[in-house]
PDB file of N, CA and C in Angstrom:
ATOM      1  N   MET A   1     -15.221  -5.809 -39.645  1.00  0.00           N
ATOM      2  CA  MET A   1     -16.859  -5.631 -39.406  1.00  0.00           C
ATOM      3  C   MET A   1     -17.755  -4.372 -39.046  1.00  0.00           C
ATOM      4  N   LYS A   2     -18.679  -4.270 -39.809  1.00  0.00           N
ATOM      5  CA  LYS A   2     -19.500  -2.916 -40.056  1.00  0.00           C
ATOM      6  C   LYS A   2     -20.575  -2.967 -38.909  1.00  0.00           C
ATOM      7  N   THR A   3     -20.775  -2.250 -38.163  1.00  0.00           N
ATOM      8  CA  THR A   3     -21.773  -2.121 -37.112  1.00  0.00           C
ATOM      9  C   THR A   3     -22.176  -0.616 -37.087  1.00  0.00           C
ATOM     10  N   ALA A   4     -23.460  -0.428 -36.722  1.00  0.00           N
ATOM     11  CA  ALA A   4     -24.147   0.754 -36.492  1.00  0.00           C
ATOM     12  C   ALA A   4     -24.070   1.220 -34.928  1.00  0.00           C
ATOM     13  N   ILE A   5     -23.855   2.480 -34.475  1.00  0.00           N
ATOM     14  CA  ILE A   5     -24.453   2.769 -33.151  1.00  0.00           C
ATOM     15  C   ILE A   5     -24.787   3.946 -33.277  1.00  0.00           C
ATOM     16  N   SER A   6     -25.566   4.590 -32.005  1.00  0.00           N
ATOM     17  CA  SER A   6     -26.296   5.815 -31.853  1.00  0.00           C
ATOM     18  C   SER A   6     -25.360   6.288 -30.880  1.00  0.00           C
ATOM     19  N   LEU A   7     -24.934   7.773 -31.107  1.00  0.00           N
ATOM     20  CA  LEU A   7     -24.072   8.593 -30.215  1.00  0.00           C
ATOM     21  C   LEU A   7     -24.761  10.070 -29.893  1.00  0.00           C
ATOM     22  N   PRO A   8     -24.826  10.900 -28.764  1.00  0.00           N
ATOM     23  CA  PRO A   8     -25.065  11.836 -28.610  1.00  0.00           C
ATOM     24  C   PRO A   8     -24.562  12.692 -29.916  1.00  0.00           C
ATOM     25  N   ASP A   9     -24.950  13.833 -30.074  1.00  0.00           N
ATOM     26  CA  ASP A   9     -24.524  14.794 -31.307  1.00  0.00           C
ATOM     27  C   ASP A   9     -23.228  15.505 -30.849  1.00  0.00           C
ATOM     28  N   ALA A  10     -23.213  15.970 -29.605  1.00  0.00           N
ATOM     29  CA  ALA A  10     -22.002  16.689 -29.056  1.00  0.00           C
ATOM     30  C   ALA A  10     -20.762  15.182 -29.149  1.00  0.00           C
ATOM     31  N   LEU A  11     -20.994  14.305 -28.983  1.00  0.00           N
ATOM     32  CA  LEU A  11     -20.008  13.431 -28.784  1.00  0.00           C
ATOM     33  C   LEU A  11     -19.684  12.996 -30.291  1.00  0.00           C
ATOM     34  N   TYR A  12     -20.645  12.767 -31.318  1.00  0.00           N
ATOM     35  CA  TYR A  12     -20.265  12.466 -32.553  1.00  0.00           C
ATOM     36  C   TYR A  12     -19.069  13.671 -32.908  1.00  0.00           C
ATOM     37  N   ALA A  13     -19.706  15.062 -32.622  1.00  0.00           N
ATOM     38  CA  ALA A  13     -19.144  15.995 -33.124  1.00  0.00           C
ATOM     39  C   ALA A  13     -17.771  16.240 -32.741  1.00  0.00           C
ATOM     40  N   ASP A  14     -17.378  15.742 -31.684  1.00  0.00           N
ATOM     41  CA  ASP A  14     -16.165  15.793 -31.020  1.00  0.00           C
ATOM     42  C   ASP A  14     -15.244  14.931 -31.558  1.00  0.00           C
ATOM     43  N   ALA A  15     -15.965  13.305 -31.824  1.00  0.00           N
ATOM     44  CA  ALA A  15     -15.316  12.439 -32.536  1.00  0.00           C
ATOM     45  C   ALA A  15     -14.859  12.858 -33.973  1.00  0.00           C
ATOM     46  N   GLU A  16     -15.616  13.496 -34.816  1.00  0.00           N
ATOM     47  CA  GLU A  16     -15.257  14.145 -36.261  1.00  0.00           C
ATOM     48  C   GLU A  16     -14.224  14.695 -36.242  1.00  0.00           C
ATOM     49  N   LYS A  17     -14.271  15.814 -35.222  1.00  0.00           N
ATOM     50  CA  LYS A  17     -13.030  16.775 -35.136  1.00  0.00           C
ATOM     51  C   LYS A  17     -11.726  16.073 -34.650  1.00  0.00           C
ATOM     52  N   THR A  18     -11.856  15.398 -33.516  1.00  0.00           N
ATOM     53  CA  THR A  18     -10.751  14.677 -33.116  1.00  0.00           C
ATOM     54  C   THR A  18     -10.007  13.827 -34.371  1.00  0.00           C
ATOM     55  N   ALA A  19     -11.018  12.745 -35.146  1.00  0.00           N
ATOM     56  CA  ALA A  19     -10.221  12.203 -36.282  1.00  0.00           C
ATOM     57  C   ALA A  19      -9.933  13.119 -37.280  1.00  0.00           C
ATOM     58  N   LYS A  20     -10.463  14.248 -37.540  1.00  0.00           N
ATOM     59  CA  LYS A  20      -9.913  15.190 -38.647  1.00  0.00           C
ATOM     60  C   LYS A  20      -8.538  15.849 -38.043  1.00  0.00           C
ATOM     61  N   ASP A  21      -8.258  15.968 -36.907  1.00  0.00           N
ATOM     62  CA  ASP A  21      -7.161  16.601 -36.122  1.00  0.00           C
ATOM     63  C   ASP A  21      -5.782  15.506 -36.304  1.00  0.00           C
ATOM     64  N   LEU A  22      -6.397  14.226 -35.819  1.00  0.00           N
ATOM     65  CA  LEU A  22      -5.435  13.085 -36.263  1.00  0.00           C
ATOM     66  C   LEU A  22      -5.187  12.729 -37.368  1.00  0.00           C
ATOM     67  N   GLY A  23      -5.971  13.323 -38.381  1.00  0.00           N
ATOM     68  CA  GLY A  23      -5.788  12.831 -39.903  1.00  0.00           C
ATOM     69  C   GLY A  23      -6.055  11.230 -40.150  1.00  0.00           C
ATOM     70  N   ILE A  24      -7.144  10.615 -39.288  1.00  0.00           N
ATOM     71  CA  ILE A  24      -7.324   9.358 -39.597  1.00  0.00           C
ATOM     72  C   ILE A  24      -8.644   9.199 -39.755  1.00  0.00           C
ATOM     73  N   PRO A  25      -9.475   8.205 -40.328  1.00  0.00           N
ATOM     74  CA  PRO A  25     -10.925   7.969 -40.560  1.00  0.00           C
ATOM     75  C   PRO A  25     -11.640   7.942 -39.279  1.00  0.00           C
ATOM     76  N   ARG A  26     -13.072   8.310 -39.153  1.00  0.00           N
ATOM     77  CA  ARG A  26     -13.683   8.239 -37.841  1.00  0.00           C
ATOM     78  C   ARG A  26     -13.775   6.850 -37.319  1.00  0.00           C
ATOM     79  N   SER A  27     -13.870   5.818 -38.484  1.00  0.00           N
ATOM     80  CA  SER A  27     -13.964   4.419 -37.787  1.00  0.00           C
ATOM     81  C   SER A  27     -12.767   4.180 -37.168  1.00  0.00           C
ATOM     82  N   GLN A  28     -11.468   4.547 -37.571  1.00  0.00           N
ATOM     83  CA  GLN A  28     -10.290   4.130 -36.968  1.00  0.00           C
ATOM     84  C   GLN A  28     -10.117   4.619 -35.452  1.00  0.00           C
ATOM     85  N   LEU A  29     -10.653   6.106 -35.337  1.00  0.00           N
ATOM     86  CA  LEU A  29     -10.699   6.791 -34.013  1.00  0.00           C
ATOM     87  C   LEU A  29     -11.416   5.919 -32.976  1.00  0.00           C
ATOM     88  N   PHE A  30     -12.602   5.533 -33.733  1.00  0.00           N
ATOM     89  CA  PHE A  30     -13.637   4.745 -32.823  1.00  0.00           C
ATOM     90  C   PHE A  30     -13.140   3.347 -32.399  1.00  0.00           C
ATOM     91  N   ALA A  31     -12.442   2.359 -33.420  1.00  0.00           N
ATOM     92  CA  ALA A  31     -11.633   1.453 -32.953  1.00  0.00           C
ATOM     93  C   ALA A  31     -10.576   1.555 -31.878  1.00  0.00           C
ATOM     94  N   ARG A  32      -9.650   2.442 -32.223  1.00  0.00           N
ATOM     95  CA  ARG A  32      -8.789   2.736 -31.157  1.00  0.00           C
ATOM     96  C   ARG A  32      -9.393   3.097 -30.153  1.00  0.00           C
ATOM     97  N   ALA A  33     -10.237   4.091 -29.940  1.00  0.00           N
ATOM     98  CA  ALA A  33     -11.090   4.149 -28.298  1.00  0.00           C
ATOM     99  C   ALA A  33     -11.619   2.868 -27.839  1.00  0.00           C
ATOM    100  N   LEU A  34     -12.100   2.090 -28.735  1.00  0.00           N
ATOM    101  CA  LEU A  34     -12.566   0.930 -27.833  1.00  0.00           C
ATOM    102  C   LEU A  34     -11.654  -0.096 -27.414  1.00  0.00           C
ATOM    103  N   GLU A  35     -10.541  -0.049 -28.313  1.00  0.00           N
ATOM    104  CA  GLU A  35      -9.100  -1.383 -27.788  1.00  0.00           C
ATOM    105  C   GLU A  35      -9.012  -0.408 -26.640  1.00  0.00           C
ATOM    106  N   GLU A  36      -8.693   0.933 -26.495  1.00  0.00           N
ATOM    107  CA  GLU A  36      -8.208   1.259 -25.326  1.00  0.00           C
ATOM    108  C   GLU A  36      -9.114   1.167 -24.043  1.00  0.00           C
ATOM    109  N   PHE A  37     -10.383   1.481 -23.910  1.00  0.00           N
ATOM    110  CA  PHE A  37     -11.412   1.214 -23.267  1.00  0.00           C
ATOM    111  C   PHE A  37     -11.158  -0.355 -22.716  1.00  0.00           C
ATOM    112  N   ILE A  38     -11.399  -1.234 -23.480  1.00  0.00           N
ATOM    113  CA  ILE A  38     -11.466  -2.696 -23.229  1.00  0.00           C
ATOM    114  C   ILE A  38      -9.877  -3.053 -22.419  1.00  0.00           C
ATOM    115  N   SER A  39      -9.033  -2.479 -23.050  1.00  0.00           N
ATOM    116  CA  SER A  39      -7.640  -2.545 -22.354  1.00  0.00           C
ATOM    117  C   SER A  39      -7.501  -2.102 -20.924  1.00  0.00           C
ATOM    118  N   HIS A  40      -8.034  -0.998 -20.788  1.00  0.00           N
ATOM    119  CA  HIS A  40      -8.147  -0.614 -19.477  1.00  0.00           C
ATOM    120  C   HIS A  40      -8.871  -1.150 -18.418  1.00  0.00           C
ATOM    121  N   HIS A  41      -9.781  -1.489 -18.947  1.00  0.00           N
ATOM    122  CA  HIS A  41     -10.899  -2.391 -17.967  1.00  0.00           C
ATOM    123  C   HIS A  41     -10.370  -4.001 -17.800  1.00  0.00           C
ATOM    124  N   ARG A  42      -9.611  -4.315 -18.862  1.00  0.00           N
ATOM    125  CA  ARG A  42      -9.100  -5.627 -18.568  1.00  0.00           C
ATOM    126  C   ARG A  42      -7.709  -5.437 -17.529  1.00  0.00           C
ATOM    127  N   ARG A  43      -7.201  -4.517 -17.292  1.00  0.00           N
ATOM    128  CA  ARG A  43      -6.206  -4.197 -16.317  1.00  0.00           C
ATOM    129  C   ARG A  43      -6.715  -3.943 -15.179  1.00  0.00           C
ATOM    130  N   GLU A  44      -7.889  -3.532 -15.213  1.00  0.00           N
ATOM    131  CA  GLU A  44      -8.679  -2.833 -13.625  1.00  0.00           C
ATOM    132  C   GLU A  44      -9.077  -4.386 -13.210  1.00  0.00           C
ATOM    133  N   ARG A  45      -9.621  -5.486 -14.182  1.00  0.00           N
ATOM    134  CA  ARG A  45     -10.142  -6.522 -13.556  1.00  0.00           C
ATOM    135  C   ARG A  45      -8.720  -7.310 -13.013  1.00  0.00           C
ATOM    136  N   ILE A  46      -7.807  -7.340 -13.620  1.00  0.00           N
ATOM    137  CA  ILE A  46      -6.520  -7.990 -13.088  1.00  0.00           C
ATOM    138  C   ILE A  46      -6.205  -7.388 -11.698  1.00  0.00           C
ATOM    139  N   THR A  47      -6.044  -6.014 -11.721  1.00  0.00           N
ATOM    140  CA  THR A  47      -5.893  -5.364 -10.353  1.00  0.00           C
ATOM    141  C   THR A  47      -6.692  -5.735  -9.035  1.00  0.00           C
ATOM    142  N   GLU A  48      -8.096  -5.686  -9.417  1.00  0.00           N
ATOM    143  CA  GLU A  48      -9.241  -6.550  -8.464  1.00  0.00           C
ATOM    144  C   GLU A  48      -8.826  -7.938  -8.184  1.00  0.00           C
ATOM    145  N   ARG A  49      -8.545  -8.849  -9.253  1.00  0.00           N
ATOM    146  CA  ARG A  49      -8.289 -10.103  -8.617  1.00  0.00           C
ATOM    147  C   ARG A  49      -6.918 -10.051  -7.983  1.00  0.00           C
ATOM    148  N   LEU A  50      -5.784  -9.367  -8.154  1.00  0.00           N
ATOM    149  CA  LEU A  50      -4.666  -9.522  -6.917  1.00  0.00           C
ATOM    150  C   LEU A  50      -5.216  -8.946  -5.918  1.00  0.00           C
ATOM    151  N   ASP A  51      -5.609  -7.751  -5.994  1.00  0.00           N
ATOM    152  CA  ASP A  51      -6.264  -7.180  -4.657  1.00  0.00           C
ATOM    153  C   ASP A  51      -6.761  -8.158  -3.578  1.00  0.00           C
ATOM    154  N   MET A  52      -7.634  -9.125  -4.322  1.00  0.00           N
ATOM    155  CA  MET A  52      -8.585 -10.061  -3.726  1.00  0.00           C
ATOM    156  C   MET A  52      -7.696 -11.148  -3.344  1.00  0.00           C
ATOM    157  N   VAL A  53      -6.546 -11.384  -3.965  1.00  0.00           N
ATOM    158  CA  VAL A  53      -5.536 -12.429  -3.789  1.00  0.00           C
ATOM    159  C   VAL A  53      -4.706 -12.101  -2.340  1.00  0.00           C
ATOM    160  N   TYR A  54      -4.178 -10.911  -2.816  1.00  0.00           N
ATOM    161  CA  TYR A  54      -3.060 -10.470  -1.515  1.00  0.00           C
ATOM    162  C   TYR A  54      -4.255  -9.962  -0.011  1.00  0.00           C
ATOM    163  N   GLY A  55      -5.388  -9.632  -0.487  1.00  0.00           N
ATOM    164  CA  GLY A  55      -6.182  -9.173   0.487  1.00  0.00           C
ATOM    165  C   GLY A  55      -6.452 -10.244   1.419  1.00  0.00           C
ATOM    166  N   ALA A  56      -6.733 -11.489   0.747  1.00  0.00           N
ATOM    167  CA  ALA A  56      -7.134 -12.736   1.460  1.00  0.00           C
ATOM    168  C   ALA A  56      -5.914 -13.378   2.166  1.00  0.00           C
ATOM    169  N   THR A  57      -4.906 -13.197   1.718  1.00  0.00           N
ATOM    170  CA  THR A  57      -3.515 -13.381   2.362  1.00  0.00           C
ATOM    171  C   THR A  57      -2.992 -12.740   3.558  1.00  0.00           C
ATOM    172  N   ALA A  58      -3.406 -11.418   3.564  1.00  0.00           N
ATOM    173  CA  ALA A  58      -3.216 -10.508   4.384  1.00  0.00           C
ATOM    174  C   ALA A  58      -4.230 -10.818   5.701  1.00  0.00           C
ATOM    175  N   GLU A  59      -5.647 -11.105   5.216  1.00  0.00           N
ATOM    176  CA  GLU A  59      -6.424 -11.714   6.270  1.00  0.00           C
ATOM    177  C   GLU A  59      -5.931 -12.689   7.028  1.00  0.00           C
ATOM    178  N   SER A  60      -5.789 -13.806   6.079  1.00  0.00           N
ATOM    179  CA  SER A  60      -5.598 -14.976   6.802  1.00  0.00           C
ATOM    180  C   SER A  60      -4.280 -15.041   7.748  1.00  0.00           C
ATOM    181  N   GLY A  61      -3.339 -14.193   7.296  1.00  0.00           N
ATOM    182  CA  GLY A  61      -2.327 -13.889   7.885  1.00  0.00           C
ATOM    183  C   GLY A  61      -2.110 -13.524   9.295  1.00  0.00           C
ATOM    184  N   THR A  62      -3.093 -12.637   9.614  1.00  0.00           N
ATOM    185  CA  THR A  62      -3.392 -12.301  11.158  1.00  0.00           C
ATOM    186  C   THR A  62      -3.741 -13.401  11.898  1.00  0.00           C
ATOM    187  N   GLU A  63      -4.105 -14.565  11.493  1.00  0.00           N
ATOM    188  CA  GLU A  63      -4.564 -15.703  12.436  1.00  0.00           C
ATOM    189  C   GLU A  63      -3.022 -16.454  12.723  1.00  0.00           C
ATOM    190  N   LEU A  64      -2.118 -16.057  12.235  1.00  0.00           N
ATOM    191  CA  LEU A  64      -0.914 -16.534  12.339  1.00  0.00           C
ATOM    192  C   LEU A  64      -0.281 -16.052  13.590  1.00  0.00           C
ATOM    193  N   LEU A  65      -0.701 -14.890  14.142  1.00  0.00           N
ATOM    194  CA  LEU A  65      -0.306 -14.080  15.295  1.00  0.00           C
ATOM    195  C   LEU A  65      -0.956 -14.577  16.384  1.00  0.00           C
ATOM    196  N   ALA A  66      -1.009 -15.626  16.545  1.00  0.00           N
ATOM    197  CA  ALA A  66      -1.666 -16.522  18.063  1.00  0.00           C
ATOM    198  C   ALA A  66      -0.957 -15.598  19.354  1.00  0.00           C
ATOM    199  N   PRO A  67      -1.405 -15.547  20.376  1.00  0.00           N
ATOM    200  CA  PRO A  67      -0.561 -15.018  21.522  1.00  0.00           C
ATOM    201  C   PRO A  67       0.659 -15.612  21.691  1.00  0.00           C
ATOM    202  N   ALA A  68       1.093 -16.835  21.470  1.00  0.00           N
ATOM    203  CA  ALA A  68       2.120 -17.287  21.716  1.00  0.00           C
ATOM    204  C   ALA A  68       3.320 -16.583  20.690  1.00  0.00           C
ATOM    205  N   ASN A  69       2.688 -16.613  19.342  1.00  0.00           N
ATOM    206  CA  ASN A  69       3.649 -16.062  18.415  1.00  0.00           C
ATOM    207  C   ASN A  69       3.887 -14.688  18.472  1.00  0.00           C
ATOM    208  N   LEU A  70       2.730 -13.704  18.921  1.00  0.00           N
ATOM    209  CA  LEU A  70       2.862 -12.427  18.970  1.00  0.00           C
ATOM    210  C   LEU A  70       4.113 -12.239  20.412  1.00  0.00           C
ATOM    211  N   GLU A  71       3.859 -12.976  21.468  1.00  0.00           N
ATOM    212  CA  GLU A  71       5.036 -12.668  22.418  1.00  0.00           C
ATOM    213  C   GLU A  71       6.321 -13.166  22.072  1.00  0.00           C
ATOM    214  N   ALA A  72       6.368 -13.950  21.198  1.00  0.00           N
ATOM    215  CA  ALA A  72       7.794 -14.271  20.592  1.00  0.00           C
ATOM    216  C   ALA A  72       8.428 -13.111  19.626  1.00  0.00           C
ATOM    217  N   LEU A  73       7.278 -12.435  19.100  1.00  0.00           N
ATOM    218  CA  LEU A  73       7.582 -11.243  18.139  1.00  0.00           C
ATOM    219  C   LEU A  73       8.046 -10.388  18.929  1.00  0.00           C
ATOM    220  N   ARG A  74       7.590  -9.844  20.257  1.00  0.00           N
ATOM    221  CA  ARG A  74       7.624  -8.696  20.767  1.00  0.00           C
ATOM    222  C   ARG A  74       8.985  -8.959  21.401  1.00  0.00           C
ATOM    223  N   GLU A  75       9.320 -10.159  22.165  1.00  0.00           N
ATOM    224  CA  GLU A  75      10.762 -10.731  22.441  1.00  0.00           C
ATOM    225  C   GLU A  75      11.862 -10.252  21.961  1.00  0.00           C
ATOM    226  N   LEU A  76      11.578 -10.782  20.337  1.00  0.00           N
ATOM    227  CA  LEU A  76      12.659 -10.451  19.446  1.00  0.00           C
ATOM    228  C   LEU A  76      12.635  -8.985  18.967  1.00  0.00           C
ATOM    229  N   THR A  77      11.740  -8.156  18.979  1.00  0.00           N
ATOM    230  CA  THR A  77      11.904  -6.827  18.662  1.00  0.00           C
ATOM    231  C   THR A  77      11.933  -6.014  19.916  1.00  0.00           C
ATOM    232  N   ARG A  78      12.044  -6.637  21.086  1.00  0.00           N
ATOM    233  CA  ARG A  78      12.138  -5.719  22.226  1.00  0.00           C
ATOM    234  C   ARG A  78      13.249  -4.532  22.532  1.00  0.00           C
ATOM    235  N   HIS A  79      14.399  -4.671  21.789  1.00  0.00           N
ATOM    236  CA  HIS A  79      15.394  -3.898  21.883  1.00  0.00           C
ATOM    237  C   HIS A  79      15.463  -2.737  20.541  1.00  0.00           C
ATOM    238  N   ASP A  80      14.590  -3.200  19.682  1.00  0.00           N
ATOM    239  CA  ASP A  80      14.735  -2.277  18.309  1.00  0.00           C
ATOM    240  C   ASP A  80      14.116  -0.778  18.889  1.00  0.00           C
ATOM    241  N   THR A  81      14.858   0.015  17.858  1.00  0.00           N
ATOM    242  CA  THR A  81      14.481   1.414  18.196  1.00  0.00           C
ATOM    243  C   THR A  81      13.480   2.028  17.429  1.00  0.00           C
ATOM    244  N   TRP A  82      12.578   1.387  16.720  1.00  0.00           N
ATOM    245  CA  TRP A  82      11.281   1.620  16.089  1.00  0.00           C
ATOM    246  C   TRP A  82      10.291   1.766  16.872  1.00  0.00           C
TER     247      TRP A  82
END
């Protein structure tokens, strides 16, 4: 698929130099850069979702420490040295 984009002159010059240094066409450099950018943000979204899941679990888990449960935990760990 062909597309047209606008880039700042300095970024275009850097892309030209990088493509030349790598020995690849400029369009391939742009395609690789876009793939990497999308992959990075996809992983970021997965991490955010996992944080939400485990964060919600941790928050709801604190409700399990009702006073009776907390007292039982204290009794079980009374002789621990930590």
